[in-house]
Amino acid sequence: MTAIEKLKNLLSHEILPDLEGAIDEMFAMVERDKTISLADREELEELQEMHAECREILIEIEAKELEEGEAEELLLELIDAKSE
């Protein structure tokens, strides 16, 4: 399996679902509390930015615009971030 395939699988099956779950939880909290703190707002914005970046990477993969070396670097970064 190439680094591009591994990256696509990691993004599609782990990272994006995790981000979507966290974003949904934040929205549920806002709906329940009818308010959001500045820290929570910043966290929500960060989660949404990460989600958008991951979607962009998937778009690049589908368009065959991502090189194997770049995919390896991204894969290592995401694995490191996920393990923290």
Protein backbone atom coordinates (compact mmCIF):
# COMPACT_ATOMS: atom_id res chain seq x y z
CA MET A 1 0.00 0.00 0.00
CA THR A 2 1.41 3.39 -0.97
CA ALA A 3 1.69 6.35 1.38
CA ILE A 4 -1.05 8.07 -0.64
CA GLU A 5 -3.41 5.13 -0.07
CA LYS A 6 -2.54 5.00 3.63
CA LEU A 7 -3.11 8.74 3.93
CA LYS A 8 -6.45 8.50 2.16
CA ASN A 9 -7.56 5.66 4.45
CA LEU A 10 -6.40 7.45 7.59
CA LEU A 11 -8.21 10.63 6.59
CA SER A 12 -11.38 8.93 5.41
CA HIS A 13 -11.78 6.34 8.15
CA GLU A 14 -10.25 7.94 11.23
CA ILE A 15 -9.34 11.62 11.11
CA LEU A 16 -12.44 13.05 9.40
CA PRO A 17 -14.94 10.96 11.40
CA ASP A 18 -13.15 11.98 14.63
CA LEU A 19 -13.23 15.65 13.64
CA GLU A 20 -16.87 15.45 12.59
CA GLY A 21 -17.75 13.82 15.91
CA ALA A 22 -15.95 16.52 17.87
CA ILE A 23 -17.60 19.28 15.82
CA ASP A 24 -21.02 17.69 16.34
CA GLU A 25 -20.38 17.51 20.09
CA MET A 26 -19.47 21.21 20.15
CA PHE A 27 -22.65 22.13 18.28
CA ALA A 28 -24.73 19.94 20.61
CA MET A 29 -23.15 21.70 23.59
CA VAL A 30 -23.97 25.10 22.10
CA GLU A 31 -27.53 23.99 21.37
CA ARG A 32 -27.94 22.69 24.92
CA ASP A 33 -26.28 25.64 26.71
CA LYS A 34 -27.49 28.31 24.26
CA THR A 35 -24.04 29.90 24.57
CA ILE A 36 -20.40 29.26 23.74
CA SER A 37 -17.30 30.47 25.53
CA LEU A 38 -14.47 32.17 23.69
CA ALA A 39 -12.23 29.14 24.27
CA ASP A 40 -14.90 26.78 22.91
CA ARG A 41 -15.46 29.05 19.91
CA GLU A 42 -11.73 29.02 19.15
CA GLU A 43 -11.63 25.23 19.51
CA LEU A 44 -14.62 24.86 17.19
CA GLU A 45 -12.99 27.12 14.59
CA GLU A 46 -9.76 25.12 14.84
CA LEU A 47 -11.65 21.83 14.39
CA GLN A 48 -13.48 23.24 11.37
CA GLU A 49 -10.20 24.46 9.82
CA MET A 50 -8.60 21.04 10.36
CA HIS A 51 -11.66 19.40 8.78
CA ALA A 52 -11.42 21.70 5.75
CA GLU A 53 -7.69 21.00 5.38
CA CYS A 54 -8.28 17.25 5.50
CA ARG A 55 -11.01 17.53 2.86
CA GLU A 56 -8.60 19.52 0.66
CA ILE A 57 -5.99 16.79 0.99
CA LEU A 58 -8.57 14.20 -0.09
CA ILE A 59 -9.48 16.36 -3.07
CA GLU A 60 -5.79 16.56 -4.03
CA ILE A 61 -5.50 12.77 -3.72
CA GLU A 62 -8.55 12.21 -5.93
CA ALA A 63 -7.21 14.70 -8.50
CA LYS A 64 -3.84 12.88 -8.40
CA GLU A 65 -2.13 16.14 -7.44
CA LEU A 66 -0.43 14.77 -4.33
CA GLU A 67 3.05 13.30 -4.64
CA GLU A 68 4.15 10.22 -2.73
CA GLY A 69 6.80 12.13 -0.75
CA GLU A 70 4.33 14.78 0.32
CA ALA A 71 1.85 12.07 1.30
CA GLU A 72 4.50 10.40 3.47
CA GLU A 73 5.19 13.67 5.30
CA LEU A 74 1.50 14.36 5.87
CA LEU A 75 0.95 10.79 7.02
CA LEU A 76 3.72 11.07 9.61
CA GLU A 77 2.40 14.42 10.84
CA LEU A 78 -1.13 13.09 11.20
CA ILE A 79 0.01 9.94 12.99
CA ASP A 80 2.05 12.06 15.40
CA ALA A 81 -0.87 14.43 15.99
CA LYS A 82 -3.30 11.55 16.51
CA SER A 83 -1.02 9.87 19.06
CA GLU A 84 -0.78 13.03 21.20
